[in-house]
Amino acid sequence: MSTNKGDIVLELDREKAPVTVENFLAYVEDGAFTEGSFFRVVRLDNQPDDSVRIEVIQGGPSREYSRERYRPPLELERTRDTWVLHVDGALSTARSGPDTARAQFFICIGDQPSLDFGGARNPDGQGFAAFGRVTSGMDVVRRIQGAATDGQRLVEPIEIEWVRRVR
């Protein structure tokens, strides 16, 4: 993944989270993330109403990527089943409820066990579907995390120039 702040190398865990990995790769192959962006940063200092605080950066497809092209929502691959946990550098799917994840994703900064199954971040306790990790470029992730925000929205979204699959 190349951004205007530098490159991030991701390793996906197809063996443990096959449905989520295939979904992400389908968006990669379709070019959804080319000219997409990181648009949200959640830090300890910008969650005044949350009793359980996390640290992540969130990204997704470009605005030009038509909603009609979005794939159906995914069945949640829970961390209790995959054991792909929300540790420092984990790659995971964003969602609004169980079985609602589509194309947005986030990267954890530091260990975030409250995002795992049974964690307290969401009232439903189902957690999020972690499906990979950053193997290189956590310095870039931290630069994105440190960028100026208005609440949790980046003042200037960080462009994802492209995402490419390396086999």
N, C-alpha and C. Protein backbone atom coordinates (compact mmCIF):
# COMPACT_ATOMS: atom_id res chain seq x y z
N MET A 1 0.87 -1.17 0.00
CA MET A 1 0.00 0.00 0.00
C MET A 1 0.91 1.22 0.00
N SER A 2 0.69 2.08 -0.98
CA SER A 2 1.48 3.29 -1.05
C SER A 2 0.58 4.49 -0.72
N THR A 3 1.04 5.32 0.21
CA THR A 3 0.30 6.52 0.59
C THR A 3 1.19 7.74 0.34
N ASN A 4 0.59 8.92 0.44
CA ASN A 4 1.41 10.11 0.27
C ASN A 4 2.27 10.40 1.51
N LYS A 5 2.22 9.54 2.51
CA LYS A 5 3.10 9.63 3.69
C LYS A 5 4.14 8.52 3.70
N GLY A 6 4.07 7.58 2.73
CA GLY A 6 5.01 6.46 2.68
C GLY A 6 4.28 5.15 2.46
N ASP A 7 5.06 4.08 2.40
CA ASP A 7 4.50 2.75 2.10
C ASP A 7 4.23 1.94 3.36
N ILE A 8 3.19 1.13 3.27
CA ILE A 8 2.81 0.20 4.33
C ILE A 8 2.70 -1.18 3.69
N VAL A 9 3.42 -2.15 4.23
CA VAL A 9 3.36 -3.52 3.72
C VAL A 9 2.48 -4.34 4.65
N LEU A 10 1.51 -5.03 4.05
CA LEU A 10 0.54 -5.82 4.81
C LEU A 10 0.71 -7.30 4.50
N GLU A 11 0.51 -8.11 5.52
CA GLU A 11 0.47 -9.56 5.34
C GLU A 11 -0.92 -10.01 5.76
N LEU A 12 -1.62 -10.72 4.87
CA LEU A 12 -2.98 -11.16 5.14
C LEU A 12 -2.99 -12.62 5.57
N ASP A 13 -3.86 -12.97 6.50
CA ASP A 13 -3.92 -14.34 7.03
C ASP A 13 -5.11 -15.09 6.41
N ARG A 14 -4.91 -15.56 5.19
CA ARG A 14 -5.95 -16.27 4.44
C ARG A 14 -6.36 -17.57 5.13
N GLU A 15 -5.43 -18.21 5.80
CA GLU A 15 -5.74 -19.49 6.45
C GLU A 15 -6.73 -19.30 7.60
N LYS A 16 -6.55 -18.27 8.40
CA LYS A 16 -7.40 -18.09 9.58
C LYS A 16 -8.62 -17.21 9.34
N ALA A 17 -8.56 -16.32 8.37
CA ALA A 17 -9.68 -15.40 8.09
C ALA A 17 -9.95 -15.36 6.58
N PRO A 18 -10.31 -16.50 5.98
CA PRO A 18 -10.42 -16.57 4.52
C PRO A 18 -11.49 -15.67 3.91
N VAL A 19 -12.62 -15.54 4.53
CA VAL A 19 -13.71 -14.74 3.97
C VAL A 19 -13.32 -13.26 3.94
N THR A 20 -12.75 -12.78 5.03
CA THR A 20 -12.38 -11.37 5.12
C THR A 20 -11.22 -11.05 4.19
N VAL A 21 -10.24 -11.95 4.10
CA VAL A 21 -9.10 -11.75 3.19
C VAL A 21 -9.59 -11.71 1.74
N GLU A 22 -10.44 -12.64 1.35
CA GLU A 22 -10.94 -12.66 -0.03
C GLU A 22 -11.71 -11.39 -0.35
N ASN A 23 -12.47 -10.89 0.59
CA ASN A 23 -13.22 -9.65 0.40
C ASN A 23 -12.25 -8.48 0.16
N PHE A 24 -11.24 -8.34 1.02
CA PHE A 24 -10.26 -7.27 0.89
C PHE A 24 -9.54 -7.36 -0.46
N LEU A 25 -9.11 -8.57 -0.82
CA LEU A 25 -8.40 -8.74 -2.08
C LEU A 25 -9.29 -8.46 -3.29
N ALA A 26 -10.57 -8.75 -3.20
CA ALA A 26 -11.49 -8.42 -4.29
C ALA A 26 -11.54 -6.91 -4.50
N TYR A 27 -11.55 -6.15 -3.40
CA TYR A 27 -11.53 -4.68 -3.52
C TYR A 27 -10.18 -4.21 -4.08
N VAL A 28 -9.09 -4.85 -3.66
CA VAL A 28 -7.77 -4.50 -4.21
C VAL A 28 -7.77 -4.72 -5.73
N GLU A 29 -8.20 -5.91 -6.16
CA GLU A 29 -8.21 -6.26 -7.58
C GLU A 29 -9.12 -5.33 -8.39
N ASP A 30 -10.18 -4.85 -7.76
CA ASP A 30 -11.13 -3.96 -8.44
C ASP A 30 -10.67 -2.50 -8.46
N GLY A 31 -9.55 -2.21 -7.79
CA GLY A 31 -9.02 -0.85 -7.77
C GLY A 31 -9.73 0.09 -6.82
N ALA A 32 -10.49 -0.45 -5.89
CA ALA A 32 -11.28 0.38 -4.99
C ALA A 32 -10.43 1.32 -4.13
N PHE A 33 -9.24 0.87 -3.75
CA PHE A 33 -8.42 1.67 -2.83
C PHE A 33 -7.50 2.65 -3.55
N THR A 34 -7.36 2.51 -4.87
CA THR A 34 -6.55 3.47 -5.62
C THR A 34 -7.20 4.83 -5.51
N GLU A 35 -6.45 5.78 -5.02
CA GLU A 35 -6.93 7.13 -4.72
C GLU A 35 -7.97 7.14 -3.61
N GLY A 36 -7.99 6.07 -2.80
CA GLY A 36 -8.77 6.06 -1.57
C GLY A 36 -8.04 6.88 -0.53
N SER A 37 -8.43 6.72 0.74
CA SER A 37 -7.75 7.52 1.75
C SER A 37 -7.89 6.94 3.14
N PHE A 38 -6.97 7.37 3.99
CA PHE A 38 -7.15 7.26 5.43
C PHE A 38 -7.83 8.56 5.82
N PHE A 39 -8.98 8.48 6.44
CA PHE A 39 -9.79 9.66 6.73
C PHE A 39 -10.11 9.83 8.21
N ARG A 40 -9.87 8.79 9.00
CA ARG A 40 -10.23 8.84 10.43
C ARG A 40 -9.06 8.37 11.26
N VAL A 41 -8.81 9.08 12.34
CA VAL A 41 -7.76 8.73 13.29
C VAL A 41 -8.39 8.74 14.67
N VAL A 42 -8.28 7.62 15.38
CA VAL A 42 -8.80 7.53 16.74
C VAL A 42 -7.60 7.44 17.67
N ARG A 43 -7.46 8.48 18.51
CA ARG A 43 -6.36 8.56 19.47
C ARG A 43 -6.95 8.67 20.87
N LEU A 44 -6.10 8.51 21.85
CA LEU A 44 -6.58 8.62 23.23
C LEU A 44 -7.16 10.00 23.53
N ASP A 45 -6.67 11.04 22.83
CA ASP A 45 -7.10 12.40 23.13
C ASP A 45 -8.33 12.87 22.36
N ASN A 46 -8.90 12.04 21.46
CA ASN A 46 -10.06 12.52 20.70
C ASN A 46 -11.29 11.61 20.84
N GLN A 47 -11.42 11.01 22.01
CA GLN A 47 -12.56 10.14 22.31
C GLN A 47 -13.23 10.56 23.62
N PRO A 48 -13.67 11.80 23.73
CA PRO A 48 -14.17 12.28 25.03
C PRO A 48 -15.37 11.53 25.58
N ASP A 49 -16.17 10.91 24.72
CA ASP A 49 -17.38 10.25 25.18
C ASP A 49 -17.24 8.73 25.30
N ASP A 50 -16.05 8.20 25.04
CA ASP A 50 -15.86 6.75 25.06
C ASP A 50 -15.15 6.32 26.34
N SER A 51 -15.77 5.39 27.06
CA SER A 51 -15.13 4.89 28.28
C SER A 51 -14.04 3.88 27.94
N VAL A 52 -14.14 3.22 26.81
CA VAL A 52 -13.12 2.29 26.34
C VAL A 52 -12.44 2.95 25.14
N ARG A 53 -11.20 3.32 25.32
CA ARG A 53 -10.48 4.07 24.28
C ARG A 53 -9.56 3.17 23.48
N ILE A 54 -9.45 3.51 22.21
CA ILE A 54 -8.62 2.72 21.29
C ILE A 54 -7.73 3.66 20.50
N GLU A 55 -6.80 3.07 19.75
CA GLU A 55 -5.94 3.83 18.85
C GLU A 55 -5.87 3.09 17.51
N VAL A 56 -6.47 3.70 16.48
CA VAL A 56 -6.49 3.13 15.14
C VAL A 56 -6.48 4.24 14.10
N ILE A 57 -6.09 3.87 12.87
CA ILE A 57 -6.31 4.74 11.72
C ILE A 57 -7.25 3.98 10.79
N GLN A 58 -8.20 4.68 10.17
CA GLN A 58 -9.21 4.03 9.35
C GLN A 58 -9.16 4.56 7.93
N GLY A 59 -9.30 3.64 6.97
CA GLY A 59 -9.27 4.01 5.57
C GLY A 59 -10.30 3.26 4.77
N GLY A 60 -10.36 3.62 3.48
CA GLY A 60 -11.31 2.95 2.61
C GLY A 60 -11.20 3.41 1.18
N PRO A 61 -12.17 2.98 0.36
CA PRO A 61 -12.16 3.29 -1.08
C PRO A 61 -12.25 4.78 -1.37
N SER A 62 -11.93 5.10 -2.61
CA SER A 62 -12.04 6.48 -3.07
C SER A 62 -13.51 6.88 -3.14
N ARG A 63 -13.76 8.18 -3.10
CA ARG A 63 -15.13 8.68 -3.23
C ARG A 63 -15.71 8.35 -4.60
N GLU A 64 -14.86 8.19 -5.59
CA GLU A 64 -15.31 7.89 -6.95
C GLU A 64 -15.73 6.43 -7.10
N TYR A 65 -15.31 5.58 -6.14
CA TYR A 65 -15.69 4.16 -6.21
C TYR A 65 -17.17 4.07 -5.86
N SER A 66 -17.97 3.74 -6.82
CA SER A 66 -19.42 3.75 -6.70
C SER A 66 -19.94 2.77 -5.64
N ARG A 67 -20.88 3.23 -4.83
CA ARG A 67 -21.51 2.36 -3.82
C ARG A 67 -22.16 1.13 -4.48
N GLU A 68 -22.59 1.27 -5.72
CA GLU A 68 -23.21 0.14 -6.42
C GLU A 68 -22.20 -0.99 -6.65
N ARG A 69 -20.91 -0.66 -6.61
CA ARG A 69 -19.87 -1.66 -6.81
C ARG A 69 -19.47 -2.36 -5.52
N TYR A 70 -19.96 -1.88 -4.38
CA TYR A 70 -19.61 -2.50 -3.11
C TYR A 70 -20.12 -3.94 -3.08
N ARG A 71 -19.32 -4.79 -2.49
CA ARG A 71 -19.70 -6.19 -2.32
C ARG A 71 -20.70 -6.30 -1.17
N PRO A 72 -21.44 -7.40 -1.10
CA PRO A 72 -22.38 -7.57 0.02
C PRO A 72 -21.65 -7.57 1.36
N PRO A 73 -22.34 -7.19 2.44
CA PRO A 73 -21.71 -7.22 3.77
C PRO A 73 -21.21 -8.62 4.11
N LEU A 74 -20.15 -8.64 4.89
CA LEU A 74 -19.50 -9.91 5.27
C LEU A 74 -20.08 -10.50 6.54
N GLU A 75 -20.07 -11.82 6.59
CA GLU A 75 -20.33 -12.49 7.86
C GLU A 75 -19.08 -12.28 8.72
N LEU A 76 -19.27 -11.83 9.93
CA LEU A 76 -18.16 -11.49 10.81
C LEU A 76 -17.34 -12.72 11.19
N GLU A 77 -16.04 -12.69 10.87
CA GLU A 77 -15.12 -13.74 11.31
C GLU A 77 -14.57 -13.29 12.67
N ARG A 78 -15.16 -13.79 13.71
CA ARG A 78 -14.86 -13.36 15.08
C ARG A 78 -13.48 -13.83 15.53
N THR A 79 -12.81 -13.01 16.33
CA THR A 79 -11.48 -13.36 16.81
C THR A 79 -11.50 -14.60 17.70
N ARG A 80 -12.63 -14.90 18.33
CA ARG A 80 -12.70 -16.14 19.14
C ARG A 80 -12.53 -17.37 18.27
N ASP A 81 -12.84 -17.24 16.96
CA ASP A 81 -12.73 -18.36 16.03
C ASP A 81 -11.42 -18.32 15.24
N THR A 82 -10.97 -17.13 14.85
CA THR A 82 -9.77 -17.02 14.01
C THR A 82 -8.48 -16.94 14.81
N TRP A 83 -8.55 -16.38 15.98
CA TRP A 83 -7.38 -16.07 16.82
C TRP A 83 -6.42 -15.10 16.15
N VAL A 84 -6.92 -14.33 15.19
CA VAL A 84 -6.16 -13.21 14.64
C VAL A 84 -6.59 -12.01 15.47
N LEU A 85 -5.76 -11.61 16.40
CA LEU A 85 -6.14 -10.63 17.42
C LEU A 85 -5.73 -9.21 17.04
N HIS A 86 -6.31 -8.27 17.72
CA HIS A 86 -6.06 -6.84 17.49
C HIS A 86 -4.84 -6.38 18.28
N VAL A 87 -3.68 -6.78 17.78
CA VAL A 87 -2.40 -6.40 18.38
C VAL A 87 -1.84 -5.23 17.57
N ASP A 88 -0.72 -4.69 18.02
CA ASP A 88 -0.06 -3.58 17.33
C ASP A 88 0.16 -3.95 15.86
N GLY A 89 -0.36 -3.13 14.95
CA GLY A 89 -0.20 -3.36 13.53
C GLY A 89 -1.26 -4.24 12.90
N ALA A 90 -2.24 -4.71 13.68
CA ALA A 90 -3.29 -5.57 13.11
C ALA A 90 -4.11 -4.80 12.09
N LEU A 91 -4.50 -5.49 11.03
CA LEU A 91 -5.38 -4.97 9.99
C LEU A 91 -6.75 -5.60 10.22
N SER A 92 -7.79 -4.79 10.22
CA SER A 92 -9.12 -5.28 10.57
C SER A 92 -10.19 -4.55 9.76
N THR A 93 -11.40 -5.09 9.77
CA THR A 93 -12.51 -4.48 9.05
C THR A 93 -13.29 -3.53 9.96
N ALA A 94 -13.66 -2.40 9.40
CA ALA A 94 -14.56 -1.49 10.11
C ALA A 94 -15.98 -2.00 9.92
N ARG A 95 -16.84 -1.76 10.91
CA ARG A 95 -18.23 -2.20 10.82
C ARG A 95 -19.10 -1.36 11.73
N SER A 96 -20.39 -1.36 11.44
CA SER A 96 -21.33 -0.63 12.31
C SER A 96 -22.11 -1.60 13.18
N GLY A 97 -22.14 -2.86 12.83
CA GLY A 97 -22.82 -3.91 13.60
C GLY A 97 -22.33 -5.25 13.10
N PRO A 98 -22.70 -6.35 13.76
CA PRO A 98 -22.28 -7.66 13.27
C PRO A 98 -22.74 -7.86 11.82
N ASP A 99 -21.90 -8.45 11.03
CA ASP A 99 -22.21 -8.79 9.64
C ASP A 99 -22.52 -7.57 8.77
N THR A 100 -21.81 -6.46 9.00
CA THR A 100 -22.02 -5.25 8.19
C THR A 100 -20.75 -4.76 7.50
N ALA A 101 -19.61 -5.38 7.75
CA ALA A 101 -18.35 -4.92 7.16
C ALA A 101 -18.38 -5.07 5.65
N ARG A 102 -17.77 -4.08 4.99
CA ARG A 102 -17.67 -4.14 3.53
C ARG A 102 -16.25 -3.80 3.09
N ALA A 103 -15.96 -2.50 2.91
CA ALA A 103 -14.70 -2.10 2.29
C ALA A 103 -13.79 -1.27 3.19
N GLN A 104 -14.31 -0.68 4.25
CA GLN A 104 -13.45 0.12 5.11
C GLN A 104 -12.66 -0.77 6.04
N PHE A 105 -11.47 -0.32 6.38
CA PHE A 105 -10.57 -1.11 7.22
C PHE A 105 -9.85 -0.19 8.18
N PHE A 106 -9.21 -0.78 9.18
CA PHE A 106 -8.39 0.01 10.10
C PHE A 106 -7.15 -0.75 10.49
N ILE A 107 -6.16 0.00 10.97
CA ILE A 107 -4.91 -0.55 11.46
C ILE A 107 -4.76 -0.12 12.91
N CYS A 108 -4.45 -1.09 13.78
CA CYS A 108 -4.29 -0.83 15.22
C CYS A 108 -2.92 -0.24 15.52
N ILE A 109 -2.91 0.72 16.42
CA ILE A 109 -1.67 1.26 16.97
C ILE A 109 -1.64 0.80 18.43
N GLY A 110 -0.72 -0.09 18.74
CA GLY A 110 -0.70 -0.71 20.06
C GLY A 110 -1.71 -1.85 20.11
N ASP A 111 -1.62 -2.68 21.14
CA ASP A 111 -2.57 -3.77 21.31
C ASP A 111 -3.93 -3.21 21.68
N GLN A 112 -4.98 -3.73 21.05
CA GLN A 112 -6.35 -3.24 21.26
C GLN A 112 -7.29 -4.41 21.57
N PRO A 113 -7.11 -5.06 22.74
CA PRO A 113 -7.95 -6.24 23.06
C PRO A 113 -9.43 -5.91 23.18
N SER A 114 -9.79 -4.66 23.40
CA SER A 114 -11.22 -4.31 23.49
C SER A 114 -11.92 -4.43 22.13
N LEU A 115 -11.15 -4.62 21.05
CA LEU A 115 -11.72 -4.81 19.71
C LEU A 115 -11.91 -6.28 19.36
N ASP A 116 -11.39 -7.18 20.22
CA ASP A 116 -11.55 -8.61 20.01
C ASP A 116 -12.93 -9.07 20.49
N PHE A 117 -13.31 -10.30 20.14
CA PHE A 117 -14.57 -10.87 20.61
C PHE A 117 -14.61 -10.80 22.14
N GLY A 118 -15.73 -10.35 22.67
CA GLY A 118 -15.87 -10.20 24.11
C GLY A 118 -15.34 -8.89 24.64
N GLY A 119 -14.69 -8.09 23.78
CA GLY A 119 -14.16 -6.80 24.19
C GLY A 119 -15.26 -5.80 24.44
N ALA A 120 -14.93 -4.79 25.19
CA ALA A 120 -15.93 -3.82 25.64
C ALA A 120 -16.12 -2.62 24.72
N ARG A 121 -15.41 -2.54 23.61
CA ARG A 121 -15.54 -1.37 22.75
C ARG A 121 -16.95 -1.23 22.16
N ASN A 122 -17.55 -2.35 21.72
CA ASN A 122 -18.91 -2.32 21.19
C ASN A 122 -19.87 -3.01 22.14
N PRO A 123 -21.06 -2.47 22.31
CA PRO A 123 -22.03 -3.09 23.22
C PRO A 123 -22.39 -4.53 22.84
N ASP A 124 -22.29 -4.88 21.54
CA ASP A 124 -22.67 -6.24 21.13
C ASP A 124 -21.61 -7.28 21.51
N GLY A 125 -20.40 -6.86 21.87
CA GLY A 125 -19.36 -7.78 22.32
C GLY A 125 -18.80 -8.70 21.24
N GLN A 126 -19.18 -8.48 19.98
CA GLN A 126 -18.76 -9.39 18.91
C GLN A 126 -17.38 -9.07 18.36
N GLY A 127 -16.87 -7.90 18.65
CA GLY A 127 -15.55 -7.52 18.17
C GLY A 127 -15.54 -7.23 16.68
N PHE A 128 -14.35 -7.15 16.15
CA PHE A 128 -14.12 -6.86 14.74
C PHE A 128 -13.34 -8.02 14.13
N ALA A 129 -13.28 -8.08 12.80
CA ALA A 129 -12.61 -9.17 12.11
C ALA A 129 -11.20 -8.77 11.70
N ALA A 130 -10.22 -9.06 12.56
CA ALA A 130 -8.82 -8.85 12.19
C ALA A 130 -8.45 -9.92 11.15
N PHE A 131 -7.67 -9.51 10.14
CA PHE A 131 -7.36 -10.47 9.08
C PHE A 131 -5.95 -10.35 8.54
N GLY A 132 -5.11 -9.55 9.19
CA GLY A 132 -3.74 -9.40 8.74
C GLY A 132 -2.98 -8.48 9.65
N ARG A 133 -1.78 -8.09 9.17
CA ARG A 133 -0.94 -7.22 10.00
C ARG A 133 0.03 -6.44 9.12
N VAL A 134 0.52 -5.36 9.68
CA VAL A 134 1.55 -4.56 9.04
C VAL A 134 2.89 -5.25 9.30
N THR A 135 3.65 -5.51 8.23
CA THR A 135 4.97 -6.10 8.40
C THR A 135 6.08 -5.07 8.21
N SER A 136 5.74 -3.96 7.59
CA SER A 136 6.68 -2.86 7.40
C SER A 136 5.87 -1.58 7.20
N GLY A 137 6.32 -0.51 7.82
CA GLY A 137 5.64 0.76 7.63
C GLY A 137 4.86 1.26 8.83
N MET A 138 5.10 0.69 10.01
CA MET A 138 4.40 1.21 11.20
C MET A 138 4.79 2.66 11.47
N ASP A 139 5.98 3.08 11.01
CA ASP A 139 6.34 4.49 11.13
C ASP A 139 5.39 5.36 10.31
N VAL A 140 4.95 4.86 9.17
CA VAL A 140 3.99 5.58 8.33
C VAL A 140 2.64 5.62 9.03
N VAL A 141 2.22 4.49 9.60
CA VAL A 141 0.96 4.43 10.35
C VAL A 141 0.97 5.46 11.47
N ARG A 142 2.07 5.56 12.18
CA ARG A 142 2.17 6.51 13.30
C ARG A 142 2.19 7.96 12.80
N ARG A 143 2.79 8.20 11.63
CA ARG A 143 2.74 9.56 11.04
C ARG A 143 1.30 9.93 10.71
N ILE A 144 0.56 8.99 10.15
CA ILE A 144 -0.85 9.24 9.84
C ILE A 144 -1.62 9.50 11.14
N GLN A 145 -1.36 8.71 12.16
CA GLN A 145 -2.03 8.88 13.45
C GLN A 145 -1.77 10.27 14.03
N GLY A 146 -0.58 10.81 13.79
CA GLY A 146 -0.22 12.11 14.35
C GLY A 146 -0.67 13.31 13.54
N ALA A 147 -1.31 13.08 12.41
CA ALA A 147 -1.75 14.19 11.56
C ALA A 147 -2.88 14.97 12.23
N ALA A 148 -3.07 16.20 11.79
CA ALA A 148 -4.08 17.10 12.36
C ALA A 148 -5.49 16.55 12.12
N THR A 149 -6.31 16.63 13.17
CA THR A 149 -7.69 16.17 13.08
C THR A 149 -8.67 17.23 13.54
N ASP A 150 -9.90 17.07 13.13
CA ASP A 150 -11.03 17.82 13.65
C ASP A 150 -11.92 16.74 14.24
N GLY A 151 -11.88 16.57 15.55
CA GLY A 151 -12.50 15.40 16.16
C GLY A 151 -11.68 14.20 15.75
N GLN A 152 -12.33 13.22 15.13
CA GLN A 152 -11.61 12.03 14.66
C GLN A 152 -11.37 12.05 13.15
N ARG A 153 -11.84 13.06 12.47
CA ARG A 153 -11.65 13.19 11.02
C ARG A 153 -10.33 13.90 10.73
N LEU A 154 -9.55 13.34 9.82
CA LEU A 154 -8.33 14.03 9.42
C LEU A 154 -8.69 15.32 8.70
N VAL A 155 -8.01 16.41 9.06
CA VAL A 155 -8.22 17.70 8.40
C VAL A 155 -7.93 17.53 6.91
N GLU A 156 -6.82 16.87 6.60
CA GLU A 156 -6.46 16.55 5.23
C GLU A 156 -6.30 15.03 5.15
N PRO A 157 -7.28 14.33 4.55
CA PRO A 157 -7.15 12.87 4.43
C PRO A 157 -5.83 12.48 3.79
N ILE A 158 -5.31 11.35 4.21
CA ILE A 158 -4.05 10.83 3.67
C ILE A 158 -4.38 9.94 2.48
N GLU A 159 -3.89 10.33 1.30
CA GLU A 159 -4.22 9.60 0.08
C GLU A 159 -3.55 8.23 0.06
N ILE A 160 -4.37 7.24 -0.30
CA ILE A 160 -3.84 5.91 -0.63
C ILE A 160 -3.64 5.95 -2.15
N GLU A 161 -2.39 5.98 -2.56
CA GLU A 161 -2.11 6.11 -3.99
C GLU A 161 -2.46 4.83 -4.74
N TRP A 162 -2.12 3.70 -4.14
CA TRP A 162 -2.47 2.40 -4.71
C TRP A 162 -2.25 1.30 -3.68
N VAL A 163 -2.93 0.20 -3.92
CA VAL A 163 -2.70 -1.03 -3.16
C VAL A 163 -2.48 -2.12 -4.19
N ARG A 164 -1.43 -2.86 -4.03
CA ARG A 164 -1.09 -3.89 -5.00
C ARG A 164 -0.85 -5.21 -4.27
N ARG A 165 -1.27 -6.26 -4.92
CA ARG A 165 -1.10 -7.60 -4.38
C ARG A 165 0.23 -8.17 -4.84
N VAL A 166 1.04 -8.66 -3.91
CA VAL A 166 2.30 -9.32 -4.21
C VAL A 166 2.14 -10.75 -3.72
N ARG A 167 2.30 -11.67 -4.59
CA ARG A 167 2.04 -13.09 -4.23
C ARG A 167 3.23 -13.75 -3.63
